Amino acid sequence: MTRRHAWPEIVEALRAAVGEAHVRLDEVDRAAYAIDAYWAPRYAVDRDRPLALPDVVVSVGSVDELVAVVRTANAHRVPVVPFGGGSNSQGAVIPVHGGITVDLKRLDRLIDVDTRSGTFTAEAGINGAVLEAELERHGWTFPHYPASAHAATLGGYLSCRGSGTLSTKYGKAEDLVLQLDVVLPDGDRLQTLPVPSHAAGPGILQCFVGAEGVYGVIVAARMRMVPIPEVRRFRSYLFPDVSAGLEAGRRIMIDRLEPCVIRLYDEPSTVRTVRHVLGTEVAGGAYCVLGFDGFADLVEVQARRAHAICTSLGATDLGEEAGRHWWDHRYHFYFPPKAPDLPWMFGTLDTVTTFDRIAALVDAKRHRLQTEFARWGLVYYAHFSHWFAWGVMVYDRFVIEAPPDDPGEALALHERVWDVATEVNLAHGGVINEHHGVGLKLARHVRRQHGSGFRLIEAIKREIDPHGLLNPGKMGFGPPR
């Protein structure tokens, strides 16, 4: 870490790089960049406990400005934390070692729309909803649609390997990216190859996707887009149980029917979430929304075949209106008063595995959590929202409505829940996270996740960021050197 007497010199260099108006030192401004959607820092604010604050917040308006900021930080051995929309749920932007938080939202240009190639190029700080509105004016769409779209940025999508509502058909963020423009820890600038598919050696592109800024700061990306579909149709079903719904989803994916959405709720979610959020009355079972988009004649064939699979497994057809209602209100699940909030303790434990393992994983996690934390009345519920040709992810949540009053005890309980959930995920062939990222919350589990492979992750970090300045404390890495 830099010596404190050097900070006036550092601040003046930052002002020279970005302009005085874009350098913020007031505590209230710095505190705004000390939290994201992660439960622990929000709880700390609620309990008036101290937060780790950045020493200074800098808002950059060009890549050259960012390069100057990173070079200043490198010269003085000051940590740098990239900050997009602040919607991450894992603590990825918490400045645990202080330093400079770099706000990227002024890097918000849509640079190019290439309708011939079906791609666009945009700066990393562009807001997801703004980006989508711009593309739709050209008759195209970025088929990502995460719940965080109105807050998150394009760089955030990529930095955490995010999933959108339509990922089952169009892929996750890492499947939609062709090329990245990145500022490295020493201020050098790197562009990956112009296409993601090649035989020109190892793919550097994916080193930066999901790395949460520890290898470099994403400043722009070339991404896939698709024409706005001719039709987008949804239908709802009620399966007798979640096992039947999982089997229907498996057959639909194995048969390559290309649904844009399969959203299957387990029995507790069907009652707790679907009825509460959508106002849809169901007596029990496992609620499912199935969607297809594209040309009307193709959608008709795909939907008809999927319908036959669902009904053969005992599903009751609830019709198109309920499915469309879900699509029109899909974001309501994630905002107050529908979403869990303080004073509750809660978290999303999502993971992904193959079809042969998913049911056992969910059953084991439900049993372990509800048994081990019965004293606190832990409730576990889940839905299955991002499907692949080989498996499915589970978007599962825990809620403790009356956590301990003592802040230290509450935080320890929270961490223990995550340790247990992660242990079950890994024991059953899952991963520590599917689409929210690692952040601070899961950093301690990355070495265990990758085993010997962590040597490669660590070696890249050591080579390109020898002082450990970019987003320290994340991804299993320690403090700056």
Protein backbone atom coordinates (compact mmCIF):
# COMPACT_ATOMS: atom_id res chain seq x y z
CA MET A 1 0.00 0.00 0.00
CA THR A 2 1.11 3.54 -0.68
CA ARG A 3 2.30 5.85 2.11
CA ARG A 4 -0.39 8.25 3.30
CA HIS A 5 1.71 11.34 2.69
CA ALA A 6 1.64 10.52 -1.04
CA TRP A 7 -2.14 10.88 -1.32
CA PRO A 8 -2.17 14.63 -2.17
CA GLU A 9 0.15 13.87 -5.07
CA ILE A 10 -2.04 10.95 -6.18
CA VAL A 11 -5.24 13.01 -5.98
CA GLU A 12 -3.72 15.80 -8.05
CA ALA A 13 -2.65 13.27 -10.69
CA LEU A 14 -6.19 11.87 -10.79
CA ARG A 15 -7.68 15.35 -11.15
CA ALA A 16 -5.29 16.06 -14.00
CA ALA A 17 -6.43 12.83 -15.68
CA VAL A 18 -10.22 13.14 -15.41
CA GLY A 19 -10.99 16.67 -14.25
CA GLU A 20 -11.67 17.89 -10.72
CA ALA A 21 -15.44 17.36 -11.01
CA HIS A 22 -14.91 13.62 -11.49
CA VAL A 23 -12.76 13.01 -8.41
CA ARG A 24 -14.78 12.51 -5.23
CA LEU A 25 -13.29 12.51 -1.73
CA ASP A 26 -16.28 13.22 0.54
CA GLU A 27 -17.16 10.33 2.84
CA VAL A 28 -20.79 10.24 1.71
CA ASP A 29 -19.69 9.84 -1.92
CA ARG A 30 -17.17 7.16 -1.06
CA ALA A 31 -19.73 5.27 1.04
CA ALA A 32 -22.03 5.01 -1.99
CA TYR A 33 -19.32 2.93 -3.69
CA ALA A 34 -18.68 0.66 -0.70
CA ILE A 35 -21.71 -1.59 -1.19
CA ASP A 36 -23.55 -3.50 -3.86
CA ALA A 37 -26.52 -5.87 -3.51
CA TYR A 38 -24.58 -8.28 -1.27
CA TRP A 39 -26.45 -8.88 2.00
CA ALA A 40 -23.47 -8.45 4.39
CA PRO A 41 -22.54 -4.79 3.69
CA ARG A 42 -26.19 -3.81 3.50
CA TYR A 43 -26.67 -5.42 6.91
CA ALA A 44 -23.61 -3.53 8.19
CA VAL A 45 -25.15 -0.23 7.09
CA ASP A 46 -28.44 -1.19 8.74
CA ARG A 47 -26.61 -1.92 12.01
CA ASP A 48 -24.38 1.18 11.78
CA ARG A 49 -21.22 -0.88 11.52
CA PRO A 50 -18.15 0.48 9.67
CA LEU A 51 -17.67 -0.23 5.98
CA ALA A 52 -14.49 -0.56 3.94
CA LEU A 53 -14.47 2.66 1.90
CA PRO A 54 -12.42 3.60 -1.13
CA ASP A 55 -9.98 6.43 -0.47
CA VAL A 56 -11.14 8.19 -3.61
CA VAL A 57 -13.76 7.66 -6.33
CA VAL A 58 -12.85 8.54 -9.90
CA SER A 59 -15.32 8.64 -12.80
CA VAL A 60 -13.64 8.12 -16.18
CA GLY A 61 -15.06 9.39 -19.46
CA SER A 62 -12.63 7.84 -21.93
CA VAL A 63 -10.25 4.94 -22.22
CA ASP A 64 -7.30 7.36 -22.16
CA GLU A 65 -8.54 8.69 -18.82
CA LEU A 66 -8.78 5.16 -17.45
CA VAL A 67 -5.27 4.37 -18.67
CA ALA A 68 -3.95 7.46 -16.86
CA VAL A 69 -5.76 6.47 -13.65
CA VAL A 70 -4.45 2.89 -13.75
CA ARG A 71 -0.90 4.05 -14.45
CA THR A 72 -1.07 6.48 -11.54
CA ALA A 73 -2.31 3.70 -9.28
CA ASN A 74 0.42 1.37 -10.48
CA ALA A 75 3.14 3.94 -9.88
CA HIS A 76 2.01 4.46 -6.29
CA ARG A 77 0.95 0.84 -5.58
CA VAL A 78 -2.68 1.83 -4.98
CA PRO A 79 -5.53 -0.72 -5.37
CA VAL A 80 -8.06 -0.13 -8.15
CA VAL A 81 -11.64 -1.44 -7.98
CA PRO A 82 -13.76 -1.21 -11.19
CA PHE A 83 -17.40 -0.22 -10.55
CA GLY A 84 -20.25 -0.58 -13.05
CA GLY A 85 -23.89 -0.44 -12.00
CA GLY A 86 -23.37 -1.65 -8.44
CA SER A 87 -26.02 -4.40 -8.75
CA ASN A 88 -23.75 -7.38 -8.04
CA SER A 89 -25.00 -9.63 -5.25
CA GLN A 90 -21.61 -11.07 -4.30
CA GLY A 91 -19.64 -8.06 -3.05
CA ALA A 92 -17.51 -7.86 -6.20
CA VAL A 93 -17.05 -4.09 -5.90
CA ILE A 94 -16.39 -3.81 -2.16
CA PRO A 95 -13.05 -1.98 -1.72
CA VAL A 96 -11.74 -4.22 1.07
CA HIS A 97 -8.27 -2.67 0.81
CA GLY A 98 -9.29 0.91 0.06
CA GLY A 99 -7.62 2.64 -2.87
CA ILE A 100 -9.29 4.01 -5.99
CA THR A 101 -12.77 2.98 -7.07
CA VAL A 102 -13.18 3.68 -10.78
CA ASP A 103 -16.75 4.39 -11.87
CA LEU A 104 -17.11 3.31 -15.51
CA LYS A 105 -20.64 4.60 -16.23
CA ARG A 106 -19.39 7.57 -18.28
CA LEU A 107 -18.03 5.02 -20.76
CA ASP A 108 -21.53 4.60 -22.12
CA ARG A 109 -21.41 4.88 -25.91
CA LEU A 110 -22.99 2.49 -28.37
CA ILE A 111 -20.09 2.61 -30.81
CA ASP A 112 -21.35 0.54 -33.72
CA VAL A 113 -24.35 -1.49 -34.88
CA ASP A 114 -23.36 -3.98 -37.59
CA THR A 115 -26.60 -5.40 -39.01
CA ARG A 116 -24.71 -7.37 -41.65
CA SER A 117 -22.79 -9.38 -39.05
CA GLY A 118 -25.48 -9.24 -36.36
CA THR A 119 -23.16 -7.58 -33.86
CA PHE A 120 -22.80 -4.33 -31.96
CA THR A 121 -19.88 -2.72 -30.18
CA ALA A 122 -20.45 -0.72 -27.00
CA GLU A 123 -18.47 0.71 -24.13
CA ALA A 124 -18.51 -1.22 -20.89
CA GLY A 125 -20.34 1.39 -18.82
CA ILE A 126 -23.50 1.50 -20.92
CA ASN A 127 -26.64 0.67 -18.94
CA GLY A 128 -28.37 -2.56 -19.96
CA ALA A 129 -31.84 -1.03 -20.43
CA VAL A 130 -30.45 1.94 -22.36
CA LEU A 131 -28.48 -0.39 -24.61
CA GLU A 132 -31.56 -2.48 -25.32
CA ALA A 133 -33.65 0.58 -26.18
CA GLU A 134 -30.98 1.78 -28.61
CA LEU A 135 -30.75 -1.58 -30.37
CA GLU A 136 -34.52 -1.90 -30.66
CA ARG A 137 -34.58 1.38 -32.56
CA HIS A 138 -32.51 -0.45 -35.18
CA GLY A 139 -34.92 -3.43 -35.17
CA TRP A 140 -32.56 -5.64 -33.16
CA THR A 141 -32.32 -6.91 -29.60
CA PHE A 142 -29.54 -8.00 -27.26
CA PRO A 143 -31.12 -11.26 -26.03
CA HIS A 144 -29.78 -11.09 -22.50
CA TYR A 145 -32.52 -9.54 -20.29
CA PRO A 146 -31.15 -10.12 -16.77
CA ALA A 147 -33.19 -9.06 -13.76
CA SER A 148 -30.55 -6.38 -13.17
CA ALA A 149 -30.93 -4.85 -16.64
CA HIS A 150 -32.12 -1.47 -15.35
CA ALA A 151 -29.08 -1.10 -13.09
CA ALA A 152 -26.27 -3.25 -14.48
CA THR A 153 -23.79 -2.36 -17.22
CA LEU A 154 -22.48 -4.33 -20.17
CA GLY A 155 -19.11 -4.67 -18.46
CA GLY A 156 -20.84 -6.03 -15.39
CA TYR A 157 -22.66 -8.65 -17.45
CA LEU A 158 -19.32 -9.90 -18.77
CA SER A 159 -17.27 -9.54 -15.61
CA CYS A 160 -19.56 -11.92 -13.71
CA ARG A 161 -20.59 -14.28 -16.53
CA GLY A 162 -24.17 -13.18 -16.14
CA SER A 163 -27.29 -14.91 -17.42
CA GLY A 164 -30.38 -13.28 -18.83
CA THR A 165 -33.95 -14.52 -18.91
CA LEU A 166 -33.53 -15.89 -22.44
CA SER A 167 -30.18 -17.62 -21.89
CA THR A 168 -31.67 -21.07 -22.53
CA LYS A 169 -31.85 -20.22 -26.23
CA TYR A 170 -29.32 -17.44 -26.72
CA GLY A 171 -26.64 -18.22 -24.14
CA LYS A 172 -25.05 -16.40 -21.25
CA ALA A 173 -22.88 -13.29 -21.47
CA GLU A 174 -19.78 -15.37 -22.29
CA ASP A 175 -21.63 -16.95 -25.23
CA LEU A 176 -22.66 -13.60 -26.69
CA VAL A 177 -19.26 -11.87 -26.72
CA LEU A 178 -16.97 -11.82 -29.77
CA GLN A 179 -14.20 -9.45 -28.74
CA LEU A 180 -13.04 -7.41 -25.75
CA ASP A 181 -11.07 -4.21 -25.30
CA VAL A 182 -9.29 -4.31 -21.93
CA VAL A 183 -6.98 -2.05 -19.92
CA LEU A 184 -4.40 -4.20 -18.13
CA PRO A 185 -3.06 -3.59 -14.60
CA ASP A 186 -0.03 -1.65 -15.87
CA GLY A 187 -2.17 0.61 -18.07
CA ASP A 188 -1.40 -1.22 -21.30
CA ARG A 189 -4.34 -1.80 -23.63
CA LEU A 190 -5.26 -5.17 -25.11
CA GLN A 191 -7.76 -6.22 -27.76
CA THR A 192 -8.61 -9.89 -28.03
CA LEU A 193 -8.90 -11.56 -31.44
CA PRO A 194 -11.75 -10.23 -33.62
CA VAL A 195 -13.67 -13.52 -33.41
CA PRO A 196 -14.20 -15.95 -30.52
CA SER A 197 -13.91 -19.17 -32.56
CA HIS A 198 -10.46 -19.97 -33.95
CA ALA A 199 -7.50 -22.36 -33.82
CA ALA A 200 -4.92 -19.66 -33.16
CA GLY A 201 -3.87 -21.09 -29.83
CA PRO A 202 -5.59 -20.68 -26.44
CA GLY A 203 -8.49 -18.26 -26.23
CA ILE A 204 -7.47 -15.13 -24.33
CA LEU A 205 -10.99 -13.68 -24.55
CA GLN A 206 -12.47 -15.88 -21.83
CA CYS A 207 -9.65 -15.04 -19.40
CA PHE A 208 -11.32 -11.67 -18.84
CA VAL A 209 -14.94 -12.86 -18.92
CA GLY A 210 -15.92 -13.75 -15.37
CA ALA A 211 -12.65 -12.44 -13.89
CA GLU A 212 -14.42 -9.53 -12.11
CA GLY A 213 -11.67 -7.08 -12.95
CA VAL A 214 -8.76 -8.94 -11.33
CA TYR A 215 -6.92 -9.33 -14.67
CA GLY A 216 -7.93 -6.09 -16.33
CA VAL A 217 -10.72 -3.57 -16.74
CA ILE A 218 -13.10 -4.26 -19.63
CA VAL A 219 -13.69 -0.98 -21.49
CA ALA A 220 -15.60 -2.11 -24.59
CA ALA A 221 -17.02 -5.26 -26.14
CA ARG A 222 -18.30 -6.50 -29.46
CA MET A 223 -21.41 -8.60 -28.85
CA ARG A 224 -23.98 -10.66 -30.74
CA MET A 225 -27.46 -9.33 -31.30
CA VAL A 226 -30.51 -10.84 -33.02
CA PRO A 227 -33.44 -9.40 -34.97
CA ILE A 228 -36.51 -8.71 -32.85
CA PRO A 229 -38.46 -11.99 -33.15
CA GLU A 230 -41.61 -12.16 -35.22
CA VAL A 231 -43.46 -13.75 -32.31
CA ARG A 232 -42.71 -14.54 -28.69
CA ARG A 233 -45.16 -16.96 -27.10
CA PHE A 234 -45.46 -18.26 -23.56
CA ARG A 235 -47.53 -20.97 -21.95
CA SER A 236 -47.87 -22.10 -18.33
CA TYR A 237 -48.11 -25.64 -17.00
CA LEU A 238 -48.58 -27.17 -13.58
CA PHE A 239 -46.65 -30.40 -13.07
CA PRO A 240 -47.62 -32.87 -10.32
CA ASP A 241 -44.14 -32.41 -8.81
CA VAL A 242 -40.78 -30.89 -9.63
CA SER A 243 -39.33 -34.23 -10.77
CA ALA A 244 -41.84 -34.40 -13.62
CA GLY A 245 -41.01 -30.81 -14.56
CA LEU A 246 -37.28 -31.51 -14.60
CA GLU A 247 -37.83 -34.51 -16.85
CA ALA A 248 -39.95 -32.43 -19.24
CA GLY A 249 -37.25 -29.77 -19.41
CA ARG A 250 -34.59 -32.40 -20.01
CA ARG A 251 -36.51 -33.92 -22.93
CA ILE A 252 -37.20 -30.52 -24.46
CA MET A 253 -33.50 -29.64 -24.35
CA ILE A 254 -32.28 -33.05 -25.53
CA ASP A 255 -34.73 -32.85 -28.46
CA ARG A 256 -33.25 -29.42 -29.34
CA LEU A 257 -36.62 -27.66 -29.45
CA GLU A 258 -34.87 -24.35 -28.63
CA PRO A 259 -37.16 -22.81 -26.03
CA CYS A 260 -36.22 -19.27 -25.11
CA VAL A 261 -37.55 -19.83 -21.58
CA ILE A 262 -38.10 -22.77 -19.28
CA ARG A 263 -38.82 -21.45 -15.79
CA LEU A 264 -39.71 -24.33 -13.46
CA TYR A 265 -40.60 -23.59 -9.82
CA ASP A 266 -40.35 -26.21 -7.09
CA GLU A 267 -43.34 -26.84 -4.85
CA PRO A 268 -42.42 -24.25 -2.15
CA SER A 269 -41.67 -21.63 -4.84
CA THR A 270 -44.92 -22.36 -6.60
CA VAL A 271 -46.82 -21.33 -3.48
CA ARG A 272 -44.43 -18.74 -2.05
CA THR A 273 -43.31 -16.95 -5.22
CA VAL A 274 -45.77 -17.58 -8.03
CA ARG A 275 -48.91 -16.91 -6.03
CA HIS A 276 -47.40 -13.97 -4.12
CA VAL A 277 -45.76 -12.22 -7.06
CA LEU A 278 -47.97 -13.10 -10.00
CA GLY A 279 -51.28 -13.48 -8.22
CA THR A 280 -51.70 -16.85 -9.93
CA GLU A 281 -53.72 -19.25 -7.78
CA VAL A 282 -52.41 -22.81 -7.80
CA ALA A 283 -53.27 -25.61 -5.39
CA GLY A 284 -49.80 -27.14 -5.37
CA GLY A 285 -47.41 -28.93 -7.67
CA ALA A 286 -44.60 -27.35 -9.68
CA TYR A 287 -45.41 -24.32 -11.83
CA CYS A 288 -43.63 -23.92 -15.17
CA VAL A 289 -43.45 -21.20 -17.81
CA LEU A 290 -42.40 -22.29 -21.27
CA GLY A 291 -41.56 -19.82 -24.04
CA PHE A 292 -40.59 -19.89 -27.71
CA ASP A 293 -39.67 -17.06 -30.05
CA GLY A 294 -38.79 -16.56 -33.71
CA PHE A 295 -40.77 -17.13 -36.89
CA ALA A 296 -44.41 -17.95 -36.21
CA ASP A 297 -44.49 -21.24 -38.12
CA LEU A 298 -41.37 -22.59 -36.43
CA VAL A 299 -42.59 -21.48 -33.00
CA GLU A 300 -45.87 -23.31 -33.61
CA VAL A 301 -44.06 -26.60 -34.30
CA GLN A 302 -41.65 -26.24 -31.36
CA ALA A 303 -44.40 -25.30 -28.91
CA ARG A 304 -46.64 -28.15 -30.06
CA ARG A 305 -43.91 -30.75 -29.54
CA ALA A 306 -43.01 -29.30 -26.13
CA HIS A 307 -46.68 -29.34 -25.16
CA ALA A 308 -46.86 -33.05 -25.96
CA ILE A 309 -43.84 -33.74 -23.75
CA CYS A 310 -45.30 -31.77 -20.83
CA THR A 311 -48.76 -33.34 -20.95
CA SER A 312 -47.28 -36.84 -21.31
CA LEU A 313 -45.64 -36.26 -17.94
CA GLY A 314 -48.88 -35.29 -16.25
CA ALA A 315 -48.73 -31.50 -16.61
CA THR A 316 -51.93 -29.47 -16.58
CA ASP A 317 -52.06 -26.84 -19.31
CA LEU A 318 -52.79 -23.42 -17.72
CA GLY A 319 -52.83 -21.61 -21.04
CA GLU A 320 -51.07 -18.70 -22.70
CA GLU A 321 -52.45 -15.88 -20.58
CA ALA A 322 -50.68 -17.02 -17.42
CA GLY A 323 -47.43 -17.45 -19.33
CA ARG A 324 -47.64 -13.99 -20.87
CA HIS A 325 -48.47 -12.53 -17.46
CA TRP A 326 -45.24 -14.02 -16.10
CA TRP A 327 -43.20 -12.46 -18.93
CA ASP A 328 -44.79 -9.05 -18.51
CA HIS A 329 -44.11 -9.06 -14.76
CA ARG A 330 -40.83 -11.00 -14.67
CA TYR A 331 -38.84 -8.15 -13.08
CA HIS A 332 -41.29 -7.80 -10.19
CA PHE A 333 -39.68 -10.79 -8.46
CA TYR A 334 -36.49 -8.82 -7.82
CA PHE A 335 -37.67 -5.50 -6.40
CA PRO A 336 -39.36 -4.43 -3.16
CA PRO A 337 -41.81 -5.31 -1.83
CA LYS A 338 -41.73 -8.65 -3.66
CA ALA A 339 -38.06 -9.53 -3.11
CA PRO A 340 -36.56 -10.51 0.27
CA ASP A 341 -35.06 -7.58 2.16
CA LEU A 342 -33.75 -6.56 5.56
CA PRO A 343 -34.30 -7.32 8.37
CA TRP A 344 -34.41 -10.82 6.89
CA MET A 345 -31.24 -12.75 6.18
CA PHE A 346 -31.26 -14.17 2.68
CA GLY A 347 -29.15 -15.19 -0.28
CA THR A 348 -29.20 -16.87 -3.69
CA LEU A 349 -27.18 -20.10 -3.73
CA ASP A 350 -27.33 -20.81 -7.47
CA THR A 351 -25.30 -23.59 -9.04
CA VAL A 352 -25.42 -25.75 -12.17
CA THR A 353 -24.76 -29.40 -12.96
CA THR A 354 -25.75 -32.11 -15.40
CA PHE A 355 -29.23 -33.60 -15.67
CA ASP A 356 -28.23 -36.80 -13.89
CA ARG A 357 -27.10 -34.94 -10.75
CA ILE A 358 -29.40 -31.95 -10.35
CA ALA A 359 -32.24 -33.60 -8.39
CA ALA A 360 -29.90 -35.18 -5.84
CA LEU A 361 -28.03 -31.89 -5.42
CA VAL A 362 -31.18 -29.91 -4.69
CA ASP A 363 -32.59 -32.54 -2.33
CA ALA A 364 -29.31 -32.74 -0.41
CA LYS A 365 -28.99 -28.98 -0.10
CA ARG A 366 -32.57 -28.52 1.02
CA HIS A 367 -32.21 -31.25 3.66
CA ARG A 368 -28.82 -30.09 4.92
CA LEU A 369 -29.75 -26.42 5.23
CA GLN A 370 -33.20 -26.90 6.73
CA THR A 371 -31.85 -29.46 9.21
CA GLU A 372 -28.65 -27.71 10.24
CA PHE A 373 -30.30 -24.30 10.57
CA ALA A 374 -33.69 -25.42 11.88
CA ARG A 375 -33.11 -23.38 15.02
CA TRP A 376 -33.31 -20.24 12.90
CA GLY A 377 -36.29 -21.37 10.83
CA LEU A 378 -34.37 -21.38 7.56
CA VAL A 379 -36.65 -21.71 4.53
CA TYR A 380 -35.28 -23.07 1.25
CA TYR A 381 -36.98 -22.74 -2.12
CA ALA A 382 -35.81 -22.99 -5.71
CA HIS A 383 -36.55 -22.61 -9.37
CA PHE A 384 -34.74 -23.80 -12.48
CA SER A 385 -34.28 -20.97 -14.95
CA HIS A 386 -31.26 -21.46 -17.23
CA TRP A 387 -31.13 -24.69 -19.18
CA PHE A 388 -28.40 -26.25 -21.30
CA ALA A 389 -28.14 -29.19 -23.70
CA TRP A 390 -26.46 -31.15 -20.88
CA GLY A 391 -28.01 -29.87 -17.67
CA VAL A 392 -29.75 -27.11 -15.78
CA MET A 393 -28.98 -24.55 -13.12
CA VAL A 394 -30.90 -24.13 -9.91
CA TYR A 395 -31.70 -20.64 -8.68
CA ASP A 396 -32.22 -21.50 -5.04
CA ARG A 397 -32.67 -19.16 -2.10
CA PHE A 398 -32.52 -19.34 1.66
CA VAL A 399 -34.42 -16.99 3.94
CA ILE A 400 -34.14 -16.57 7.71
CA GLU A 401 -36.83 -14.15 8.77
CA ALA A 402 -35.60 -13.74 12.36
CA PRO A 403 -31.78 -13.83 12.36
CA PRO A 404 -29.72 -13.26 15.54
CA ASP A 405 -29.89 -9.78 17.03
CA ASP A 406 -26.15 -9.70 17.70
CA PRO A 407 -24.39 -8.45 14.52
CA GLY A 408 -21.35 -10.67 15.01
CA GLU A 409 -23.49 -13.74 15.47
CA ALA A 410 -25.66 -12.84 12.48
CA LEU A 411 -22.69 -12.39 10.16
CA ALA A 412 -21.15 -15.67 11.36
CA LEU A 413 -24.46 -17.46 10.72
CA HIS A 414 -24.65 -15.97 7.24
CA GLU A 415 -21.16 -17.19 6.37
CA ARG A 416 -21.90 -20.65 7.75
CA VAL A 417 -24.98 -21.00 5.55
CA TRP A 418 -22.86 -20.20 2.51
CA ASP A 419 -20.13 -22.64 3.57
CA VAL A 420 -22.65 -25.48 3.92
CA ALA A 421 -24.39 -24.68 0.61
CA THR A 422 -21.08 -24.51 -1.23
CA GLU A 423 -19.95 -27.79 0.31
CA VAL A 424 -23.12 -29.51 -0.96
CA ASN A 425 -22.81 -27.93 -4.41
CA LEU A 426 -19.26 -29.19 -4.89
CA ALA A 427 -19.97 -32.63 -3.42
CA HIS A 428 -22.74 -33.19 -5.98
CA GLY A 429 -20.92 -32.08 -9.12
CA GLY A 430 -22.04 -28.46 -9.04
CA VAL A 431 -20.00 -25.26 -9.02
CA ILE A 432 -19.76 -22.49 -6.45
CA ASN A 433 -21.89 -20.19 -8.61
CA GLU A 434 -23.67 -20.22 -11.96
CA HIS A 435 -24.27 -16.61 -12.97
CA HIS A 436 -23.88 -14.11 -10.11
CA GLY A 437 -20.09 -14.37 -9.89
CA VAL A 438 -17.64 -14.87 -7.04
CA GLY A 439 -17.05 -11.45 -5.52
CA LEU A 440 -16.03 -11.25 -1.88
CA LYS A 441 -18.75 -13.68 -0.75
CA LEU A 442 -17.34 -16.78 -2.44
CA ALA A 443 -13.68 -15.81 -2.86
CA ARG A 444 -12.57 -18.20 -0.13
CA HIS A 445 -13.99 -21.15 -2.10
CA VAL A 446 -12.30 -20.53 -5.49
CA ARG A 447 -9.15 -22.53 -4.71
CA ARG A 448 -11.22 -25.52 -3.64
CA GLN A 449 -13.40 -25.20 -6.74
CA HIS A 450 -10.50 -25.33 -9.20
CA GLY A 451 -8.01 -27.52 -7.35
CA SER A 452 -4.77 -27.76 -9.30
CA GLY A 453 -6.27 -25.47 -11.93
CA PHE A 454 -5.99 -22.56 -9.52
CA ARG A 455 -2.24 -22.56 -10.22
CA LEU A 456 -3.02 -21.30 -13.72
CA ILE A 457 -5.45 -18.66 -12.44
CA GLU A 458 -2.83 -17.52 -9.93
CA ALA A 459 0.04 -17.55 -12.43
CA ILE A 460 -1.82 -15.25 -14.83
CA LYS A 461 -2.59 -12.85 -12.00
CA ARG A 462 1.03 -12.86 -10.81
CA GLU A 463 2.34 -12.18 -14.30
CA ILE A 464 0.05 -9.36 -15.40
CA ASP A 465 -0.61 -7.80 -11.97
CA PRO A 466 2.54 -8.49 -9.91
CA HIS A 467 1.54 -5.99 -7.21
CA GLY A 468 -1.99 -7.42 -6.89
CA LEU A 469 -3.61 -4.00 -7.38
CA LEU A 470 -6.71 -4.82 -9.45
CA ASN A 471 -9.72 -5.65 -7.26
CA PRO A 472 -7.70 -7.23 -4.44
CA GLY A 473 -9.34 -9.68 -2.07
CA LYS A 474 -11.52 -11.16 -4.79
CA MET A 475 -11.32 -14.41 -6.78
CA GLY A 476 -9.26 -16.11 -4.05
CA PHE A 477 -6.44 -13.57 -4.16
CA GLY A 478 -5.14 -11.80 -1.08
CA PRO A 479 -4.23 -8.16 -0.38
CA PRO A 480 -1.99 -6.00 -2.57
CA ARG A 481 1.69 -6.83 -2.34
